[in-house]
Amino acid sequence: MPSVNDLSYTAVYEEVDDGWTQGRIVEIPGVITAAASRDEARDLLRDALREYLASFMENDPALAGSGDREQLRVKLVARGEH
């Protein structure tokens, strides 16, 4: 059975117009959201990250039947800060 590893991302929260809170993922600049509170921004940011990552798991019909396929596994190794 494959093992599951937790992945961690860095969330940054900033106050923006009209008291709203913007949340973004540092490691993935395209994952960004805003909400009326920090808690709501955190929830929306988790959803945005989940959807972003899930989009890579969808089957692309343009690739159906093309080439020889296999599953590749990679090991993520944390590096110390510079």
PDB file of N, CA and C in Angstrom:
ATOM      1  N   MET A   1       0.849  -1.177   0.000  1.00  0.00           N
ATOM      2  CA  MET A   1       0.000   0.000   0.000  1.00  0.00           C
ATOM      3  C   MET A   1       0.891   1.235   0.000  1.00  0.00           C
ATOM      4  N   PRO A   2       0.602   2.214  -0.903  1.00  0.00           N
ATOM      5  CA  PRO A   2       1.442   3.410  -0.948  1.00  0.00           C
ATOM      6  C   PRO A   2       1.301   4.243   0.318  1.00  0.00           C
ATOM      7  N   SER A   3       2.400   4.872   0.709  1.00  0.00           N
ATOM      8  CA  SER A   3       2.340   5.739   1.883  1.00  0.00           C
ATOM      9  C   SER A   3       1.915   7.143   1.458  1.00  0.00           C
ATOM     10  N   VAL A   4       1.311   7.856   2.375  1.00  0.00           N
ATOM     11  CA  VAL A   4       0.872   9.215   2.116  1.00  0.00           C
ATOM     12  C   VAL A   4       1.687  10.152   2.993  1.00  0.00           C
ATOM     13  N   ASN A   5       2.264  11.162   2.391  1.00  0.00           N
ATOM     14  CA  ASN A   5       3.032  12.146   3.136  1.00  0.00           C
ATOM     15  C   ASN A   5       2.274  13.464   3.140  1.00  0.00           C
ATOM     16  N   ASP A   6       2.298  14.150   4.258  1.00  0.00           N
ATOM     17  CA  ASP A   6       1.705  15.471   4.326  1.00  0.00           C
ATOM     18  C   ASP A   6       2.628  16.453   3.623  1.00  0.00           C
ATOM     19  N   LEU A   7       2.032  17.340   2.869  1.00  0.00           N
ATOM     20  CA  LEU A   7       2.793  18.409   2.232  1.00  0.00           C
ATOM     21  C   LEU A   7       2.451  19.704   2.951  1.00  0.00           C
ATOM     22  N   SER A   8       3.430  20.546   3.123  1.00  0.00           N
ATOM     23  CA  SER A   8       3.208  21.824   3.778  1.00  0.00           C
ATOM     24  C   SER A   8       3.503  22.951   2.804  1.00  0.00           C
ATOM     25  N   TYR A   9       2.665  23.966   2.867  1.00  0.00           N
ATOM     26  CA  TYR A   9       2.849  25.149   2.045  1.00  0.00           C
ATOM     27  C   TYR A   9       2.799  26.373   2.953  1.00  0.00           C
ATOM     28  N   THR A  10       3.393  27.459   2.505  1.00  0.00           N
ATOM     29  CA  THR A  10       3.435  28.683   3.294  1.00  0.00           C
ATOM     30  C   THR A  10       2.305  29.608   2.871  1.00  0.00           C
ATOM     31  N   ALA A  11       1.388  29.884   3.798  1.00  0.00           N
ATOM     32  CA  ALA A  11       0.288  30.807   3.537  1.00  0.00           C
ATOM     33  C   ALA A  11       0.648  32.179   4.093  1.00  0.00           C
ATOM     34  N   VAL A  12       0.405  33.202   3.301  1.00  0.00           N
ATOM     35  CA  VAL A  12       0.631  34.584   3.723  1.00  0.00           C
ATOM     36  C   VAL A  12      -0.708  35.299   3.685  1.00  0.00           C
ATOM     37  N   TYR A  13      -1.013  36.026   4.749  1.00  0.00           N
ATOM     38  CA  TYR A  13      -2.266  36.769   4.842  1.00  0.00           C
ATOM     39  C   TYR A  13      -1.946  38.258   4.952  1.00  0.00           C
ATOM     40  N   GLU A  14      -2.673  39.049   4.160  1.00  0.00           N
ATOM     41  CA  GLU A  14      -2.486  40.493   4.178  1.00  0.00           C
ATOM     42  C   GLU A  14      -3.847  41.178   4.160  1.00  0.00           C
ATOM     43  N   GLU A  15      -3.952  42.252   4.896  1.00  0.00           N
ATOM     44  CA  GLU A  15      -5.193  43.018   4.871  1.00  0.00           C
ATOM     45  C   GLU A  15      -5.231  43.842   3.592  1.00  0.00           C
ATOM     46  N   VAL A  16      -6.362  43.791   2.907  1.00  0.00           N
ATOM     47  CA  VAL A  16      -6.538  44.544   1.660  1.00  0.00           C
ATOM     48  C   VAL A  16      -7.752  45.465   1.802  1.00  0.00           C
ATOM     49  N   ASP A  17      -8.250  45.977   0.700  1.00  0.00           N
ATOM     50  CA  ASP A  17      -9.353  46.946   0.688  1.00  0.00           C
ATOM     51  C   ASP A  17     -10.515  46.565   1.582  1.00  0.00           C
ATOM     52  N   ASP A  18     -11.079  47.555   2.211  1.00  0.00           N
ATOM     53  CA  ASP A  18     -12.296  47.430   3.024  1.00  0.00           C
ATOM     54  C   ASP A  18     -12.190  46.382   4.134  1.00  0.00           C
ATOM     55  N   GLY A  19     -10.978  46.167   4.657  1.00  0.00           N
ATOM     56  CA  GLY A  19     -10.812  45.247   5.779  1.00  0.00           C
ATOM     57  C   GLY A  19     -10.790  43.777   5.406  1.00  0.00           C
ATOM     58  N   TRP A  20     -10.820  43.463   4.133  1.00  0.00           N
ATOM     59  CA  TRP A  20     -10.767  42.066   3.695  1.00  0.00           C
ATOM     60  C   TRP A  20      -9.363  41.523   3.885  1.00  0.00           C
ATOM     61  N   THR A  21      -9.260  40.211   3.959  1.00  0.00           N
ATOM     62  CA  THR A  21      -7.974  39.543   4.095  1.00  0.00           C
ATOM     63  C   THR A  21      -7.680  38.752   2.833  1.00  0.00           C
ATOM     64  N   GLN A  22      -6.505  38.995   2.284  1.00  0.00           N
ATOM     65  CA  GLN A  22      -6.049  38.240   1.114  1.00  0.00           C
ATOM     66  C   GLN A  22      -5.135  37.132   1.598  1.00  0.00           C
ATOM     67  N   GLY A  23      -5.311  35.938   1.073  1.00  0.00           N
ATOM     68  CA  GLY A  23      -4.445  34.816   1.390  1.00  0.00           C
ATOM     69  C   GLY A  23      -3.805  34.295   0.124  1.00  0.00           C
ATOM     70  N   ARG A  24      -2.539  33.929   0.211  1.00  0.00           N
ATOM     71  CA  ARG A  24      -1.848  33.361  -0.952  1.00  0.00           C
ATOM     72  C   ARG A  24      -0.852  32.312  -0.494  1.00  0.00           C
ATOM     73  N   ILE A  25      -0.535  31.410  -1.401  1.00  0.00           N
ATOM     74  CA  ILE A  25       0.456  30.365  -1.151  1.00  0.00           C
ATOM     75  C   ILE A  25       1.778  30.814  -1.777  1.00  0.00           C
ATOM     76  N   VAL A  26       2.805  30.956  -0.972  1.00  0.00           N
ATOM     77  CA  VAL A  26       4.093  31.460  -1.435  1.00  0.00           C
ATOM     78  C   VAL A  26       4.677  30.568  -2.533  1.00  0.00           C
ATOM     79  N   GLU A  27       4.613  29.262  -2.339  1.00  0.00           N
ATOM     80  CA  GLU A  27       5.253  28.332  -3.273  1.00  0.00           C
ATOM     81  C   GLU A  27       4.500  28.190  -4.600  1.00  0.00           C
ATOM     82  N   ILE A  28       3.240  28.598  -4.627  1.00  0.00           N
ATOM     83  CA  ILE A  28       2.427  28.479  -5.848  1.00  0.00           C
ATOM     84  C   ILE A  28       1.720  29.818  -6.058  1.00  0.00           C
ATOM     85  N   PRO A  29       2.367  30.745  -6.762  1.00  0.00           N
ATOM     86  CA  PRO A  29       1.827  32.099  -6.894  1.00  0.00           C
ATOM     87  C   PRO A  29       0.400  32.183  -7.448  1.00  0.00           C
ATOM     88  N   GLY A  30      -0.051  31.201  -8.199  1.00  0.00           N
ATOM     89  CA  GLY A  30      -1.394  31.243  -8.761  1.00  0.00           C
ATOM     90  C   GLY A  30      -2.499  30.928  -7.776  1.00  0.00           C
ATOM     91  N   VAL A  31      -2.152  30.488  -6.574  1.00  0.00           N
ATOM     92  CA  VAL A  31      -3.168  30.154  -5.571  1.00  0.00           C
ATOM     93  C   VAL A  31      -3.308  31.344  -4.633  1.00  0.00           C
ATOM     94  N   ILE A  32      -4.414  32.076  -4.823  1.00  0.00           N
ATOM     95  CA  ILE A  32      -4.652  33.309  -4.076  1.00  0.00           C
ATOM     96  C   ILE A  32      -6.154  33.490  -3.908  1.00  0.00           C
ATOM     97  N   THR A  33      -6.566  34.072  -2.807  1.00  0.00           N
ATOM     98  CA  THR A  33      -7.984  34.310  -2.552  1.00  0.00           C
ATOM     99  C   THR A  33      -8.134  35.479  -1.586  1.00  0.00           C
ATOM    100  N   ALA A  34      -9.360  35.920  -1.386  1.00  0.00           N
ATOM    101  CA  ALA A  34      -9.637  36.982  -0.419  1.00  0.00           C
ATOM    102  C   ALA A  34     -10.999  36.734   0.203  1.00  0.00           C
ATOM    103  N   ALA A  35     -11.143  37.168   1.454  1.00  0.00           N
ATOM    104  CA  ALA A  35     -12.400  36.965   2.173  1.00  0.00           C
ATOM    105  C   ALA A  35     -12.544  38.043   3.243  1.00  0.00           C
ATOM    106  N   ALA A  36     -13.723  38.084   3.837  1.00  0.00           N
ATOM    107  CA  ALA A  36     -14.023  39.098   4.844  1.00  0.00           C
ATOM    108  C   ALA A  36     -13.261  38.886   6.156  1.00  0.00           C
ATOM    109  N   SER A  37     -12.803  37.655   6.423  1.00  0.00           N
ATOM    110  CA  SER A  37     -12.045  37.382   7.645  1.00  0.00           C
ATOM    111  C   SER A  37     -10.868  36.469   7.339  1.00  0.00           C
ATOM    112  N   ARG A  38      -9.916  36.439   8.263  1.00  0.00           N
ATOM    113  CA  ARG A  38      -8.749  35.564   8.079  1.00  0.00           C
ATOM    114  C   ARG A  38      -9.158  34.096   8.081  1.00  0.00           C
ATOM    115  N   ASP A  39     -10.065  33.715   8.977  1.00  0.00           N
ATOM    116  CA  ASP A  39     -10.514  32.319   9.026  1.00  0.00           C
ATOM    117  C   ASP A  39     -11.161  31.900   7.716  1.00  0.00           C
ATOM    118  N   GLU A  40     -11.996  32.763   7.172  1.00  0.00           N
ATOM    119  CA  GLU A  40     -12.642  32.445   5.893  1.00  0.00           C
ATOM    120  C   GLU A  40     -11.610  32.409   4.764  1.00  0.00           C
ATOM    121  N   ALA A  41     -10.651  33.334   4.796  1.00  0.00           N
ATOM    122  CA  ALA A  41      -9.589  33.344   3.789  1.00  0.00           C
ATOM    123  C   ALA A  41      -8.789  32.046   3.857  1.00  0.00           C
ATOM    124  N   ARG A  42      -8.525  31.546   5.065  1.00  0.00           N
ATOM    125  CA  ARG A  42      -7.784  30.292   5.242  1.00  0.00           C
ATOM    126  C   ARG A  42      -8.568  29.127   4.628  1.00  0.00           C
ATOM    127  N   ASP A  43      -9.859  29.070   4.914  1.00  0.00           N
ATOM    128  CA  ASP A  43     -10.696  27.995   4.355  1.00  0.00           C
ATOM    129  C   ASP A  43     -10.732  28.059   2.826  1.00  0.00           C
ATOM    130  N   LEU A  44     -10.905  29.268   2.292  1.00  0.00           N
ATOM    131  CA  LEU A  44     -10.947  29.424   0.830  1.00  0.00           C
ATOM    132  C   LEU A  44      -9.592  29.105   0.203  1.00  0.00           C
ATOM    133  N   LEU A  45      -8.512  29.455   0.912  1.00  0.00           N
ATOM    134  CA  LEU A  45      -7.173  29.165   0.402  1.00  0.00           C
ATOM    135  C   LEU A  45      -6.926  27.665   0.345  1.00  0.00           C
ATOM    136  N   ARG A  46      -7.375  26.944   1.369  1.00  0.00           N
ATOM    137  CA  ARG A  46      -7.250  25.476   1.341  1.00  0.00           C
ATOM    138  C   ARG A  46      -8.010  24.899   0.148  1.00  0.00           C
ATOM    139  N   ASP A  47      -9.232  25.393  -0.069  1.00  0.00           N
ATOM    140  CA  ASP A  47     -10.031  24.922  -1.205  1.00  0.00           C
ATOM    141  C   ASP A  47      -9.349  25.250  -2.533  1.00  0.00           C
ATOM    142  N   ALA A  48      -8.819  26.464  -2.643  1.00  0.00           N
ATOM    143  CA  ALA A  48      -8.141  26.868  -3.881  1.00  0.00           C
ATOM    144  C   ALA A  48      -6.919  25.993  -4.144  1.00  0.00           C
ATOM    145  N   LEU A  49      -6.146  25.703  -3.109  1.00  0.00           N
ATOM    146  CA  LEU A  49      -4.969  24.843  -3.251  1.00  0.00           C
ATOM    147  C   LEU A  49      -5.384  23.438  -3.655  1.00  0.00           C
ATOM    148  N   ARG A  50      -6.408  22.906  -3.001  1.00  0.00           N
ATOM    149  CA  ARG A  50      -6.922  21.566  -3.321  1.00  0.00           C
ATOM    150  C   ARG A  50      -7.353  21.496  -4.789  1.00  0.00           C
ATOM    151  N   GLU A  51      -8.101  22.487  -5.251  1.00  0.00           N
ATOM    152  CA  GLU A  51      -8.572  22.507  -6.640  1.00  0.00           C
ATOM    153  C   GLU A  51      -7.408  22.659  -7.616  1.00  0.00           C
ATOM    154  N   TYR A  52      -6.445  23.490  -7.267  1.00  0.00           N
ATOM    155  CA  TYR A  52      -5.268  23.676  -8.121  1.00  0.00           C
ATOM    156  C   TYR A  52      -4.529  22.346  -8.306  1.00  0.00           C
ATOM    157  N   LEU A  53      -4.270  21.662  -7.203  1.00  0.00           N
ATOM    158  CA  LEU A  53      -3.552  20.385  -7.282  1.00  0.00           C
ATOM    159  C   LEU A  53      -4.396  19.319  -7.978  1.00  0.00           C
ATOM    160  N   ALA A  54      -5.697  19.293  -7.734  1.00  0.00           N
ATOM    161  CA  ALA A  54      -6.581  18.312  -8.371  1.00  0.00           C
ATOM    162  C   ALA A  54      -6.629  18.509  -9.876  1.00  0.00           C
ATOM    163  N   SER A  55      -6.451  19.742 -10.339  1.00  0.00           N
ATOM    164  CA  SER A  55      -6.519  20.000 -11.783  1.00  0.00           C
ATOM    165  C   SER A  55      -5.430  19.248 -12.542  1.00  0.00           C
ATOM    166  N   PHE A  56      -4.335  18.934 -11.882  1.00  0.00           N
ATOM    167  CA  PHE A  56      -3.262  18.194 -12.533  1.00  0.00           C
ATOM    168  C   PHE A  56      -3.555  16.698 -12.598  1.00  0.00           C
ATOM    169  N   MET A  57      -4.554  16.243 -11.848  1.00  0.00           N
ATOM    170  CA  MET A  57      -4.878  14.825 -11.803  1.00  0.00           C
ATOM    171  C   MET A  57      -5.957  14.436 -12.814  1.00  0.00           C
ATOM    172  N   GLU A  58      -6.579  15.427 -13.458  1.00  0.00           N
ATOM    173  CA  GLU A  58      -7.618  15.135 -14.433  1.00  0.00           C
ATOM    174  C   GLU A  58      -6.996  14.567 -15.698  1.00  0.00           C
ATOM    175  N   ASN A  59      -7.712  13.659 -16.326  1.00  0.00           N
ATOM    176  CA  ASN A  59      -7.234  13.074 -17.576  1.00  0.00           C
ATOM    177  C   ASN A  59      -7.440  14.054 -18.722  1.00  0.00           C
ATOM    178  N   ASP A  60      -6.436  14.275 -19.506  1.00  0.00           N
ATOM    179  CA  ASP A  60      -6.504  15.146 -20.667  1.00  0.00           C
ATOM    180  C   ASP A  60      -6.888  14.299 -21.873  1.00  0.00           C
ATOM    181  N   PRO A  61      -8.078  14.508 -22.471  1.00  0.00           N
ATOM    182  CA  PRO A  61      -8.507  13.706 -23.616  1.00  0.00           C
ATOM    183  C   PRO A  61      -7.536  13.779 -24.788  1.00  0.00           C
ATOM    184  N   ALA A  62      -6.809  14.880 -24.905  1.00  0.00           N
ATOM    185  CA  ALA A  62      -5.849  15.024 -26.003  1.00  0.00           C
ATOM    186  C   ALA A  62      -4.699  14.030 -25.885  1.00  0.00           C
ATOM    187  N   LEU A  63      -4.466  13.526 -24.676  1.00  0.00           N
ATOM    188  CA  LEU A  63      -3.357  12.592 -24.456  1.00  0.00           C
ATOM    189  C   LEU A  63      -3.806  11.135 -24.452  1.00  0.00           C
ATOM    190  N   ALA A  64      -5.113  10.904 -24.536  1.00  0.00           N
ATOM    191  CA  ALA A  64      -5.640   9.537 -24.481  1.00  0.00           C
ATOM    192  C   ALA A  64      -5.033   8.681 -25.591  1.00  0.00           C
ATOM    193  N   GLY A  65      -4.515   7.536 -25.207  1.00  0.00           N
ATOM    194  CA  GLY A  65      -3.956   6.591 -26.175  1.00  0.00           C
ATOM    195  C   GLY A  65      -2.602   6.975 -26.731  1.00  0.00           C
ATOM    196  N   SER A  66      -2.011   8.057 -26.269  1.00  0.00           N
ATOM    197  CA  SER A  66      -0.719   8.451 -26.823  1.00  0.00           C
ATOM    198  C   SER A  66       0.417   7.959 -25.940  1.00  0.00           C
ATOM    199  N   GLY A  67       1.368   7.293 -26.536  1.00  0.00           N
ATOM    200  CA  GLY A  67       2.583   6.903 -25.844  1.00  0.00           C
ATOM    201  C   GLY A  67       2.436   5.788 -24.818  1.00  0.00           C
ATOM    202  N   ASP A  68       3.573   5.359 -24.321  1.00  0.00           N
ATOM    203  CA  ASP A  68       3.671   4.328 -23.293  1.00  0.00           C
ATOM    204  C   ASP A  68       3.652   5.028 -21.941  1.00  0.00           C
ATOM    205  N   ARG A  69       2.799   4.568 -21.039  1.00  0.00           N
ATOM    206  CA  ARG A  69       2.631   5.256 -19.762  1.00  0.00           C
ATOM    207  C   ARG A  69       3.056   4.389 -18.584  1.00  0.00           C
ATOM    208  N   GLU A  70       3.478   5.060 -17.517  1.00  0.00           N
ATOM    209  CA  GLU A  70       3.767   4.409 -16.249  1.00  0.00           C
ATOM    210  C   GLU A  70       3.605   5.437 -15.140  1.00  0.00           C
ATOM    211  N   GLN A  71       3.392   4.974 -13.941  1.00  0.00           N
ATOM    212  CA  GLN A  71       3.305   5.846 -12.781  1.00  0.00           C
ATOM    213  C   GLN A  71       4.713   6.086 -12.246  1.00  0.00           C
ATOM    214  N   LEU A  72       5.057   7.331 -12.008  1.00  0.00           N
ATOM    215  CA  LEU A  72       6.347   7.675 -11.416  1.00  0.00           C
ATOM    216  C   LEU A  72       6.117   8.123  -9.979  1.00  0.00           C
ATOM    217  N   ARG A  73       6.929   7.635  -9.090  1.00  0.00           N
ATOM    218  CA  ARG A  73       6.861   8.058  -7.694  1.00  0.00           C
ATOM    219  C   ARG A  73       8.104   8.885  -7.401  1.00  0.00           C
ATOM    220  N   VAL A  74       7.917   9.941  -6.651  1.00  0.00           N
ATOM    221  CA  VAL A  74       9.048  10.774  -6.254  1.00  0.00           C
ATOM    222  C   VAL A  74       9.060  10.911  -4.746  1.00  0.00           C
ATOM    223  N   LYS A  75      10.211  11.087  -4.205  1.00  0.00           N
ATOM    224  CA  LYS A  75      10.358  11.290  -2.771  1.00  0.00           C
ATOM    225  C   LYS A  75      10.641  12.775  -2.538  1.00  0.00           C
ATOM    226  N   LEU A  76       9.847  13.389  -1.699  1.00  0.00           N
ATOM    227  CA  LEU A  76      10.061  14.796  -1.372  1.00  0.00           C
ATOM    228  C   LEU A  76      10.979  14.880  -0.170  1.00  0.00           C
ATOM    229  N   VAL A  77      12.012  15.677  -0.311  1.00  0.00           N
ATOM    230  CA  VAL A  77      12.991  15.843   0.758  1.00  0.00           C
ATOM    231  C   VAL A  77      13.066  17.321   1.109  1.00  0.00           C
ATOM    232  N   ALA A  78      12.837  17.629   2.373  1.00  0.00           N
ATOM    233  CA  ALA A  78      12.898  19.009   2.827  1.00  0.00           C
ATOM    234  C   ALA A  78      14.360  19.454   2.919  1.00  0.00           C
ATOM    235  N   ARG A  79      14.599  20.668   2.494  1.00  0.00           N
ATOM    236  CA  ARG A  79      15.930  21.238   2.614  1.00  0.00           C
ATOM    237  C   ARG A  79      15.893  22.330   3.649  1.00  0.00           C
ATOM    238  N   GLY A  80      17.028  22.532   4.297  1.00  0.00           N
ATOM    239  CA  GLY A  80      17.121  23.591   5.295  1.00  0.00           C
ATOM    240  C   GLY A  80      17.057  24.958   4.636  1.00  0.00           C
ATOM    241  N   GLU A  81      16.665  25.970   5.418  1.00  0.00           N
ATOM    242  CA  GLU A  81      16.621  27.322   4.892  1.00  0.00           C
ATOM    243  C   GLU A  81      18.031  27.842   4.674  1.00  0.00           C
ATOM    244  N   HIS A  82      18.177  28.700   3.678  1.00  0.00           N
ATOM    245  CA  HIS A  82      19.492  29.270   3.339  1.00  0.00           C
ATOM    246  C   HIS A  82      19.767  30.485   4.137  1.00  0.00           C
TER     247      HIS A  82
END
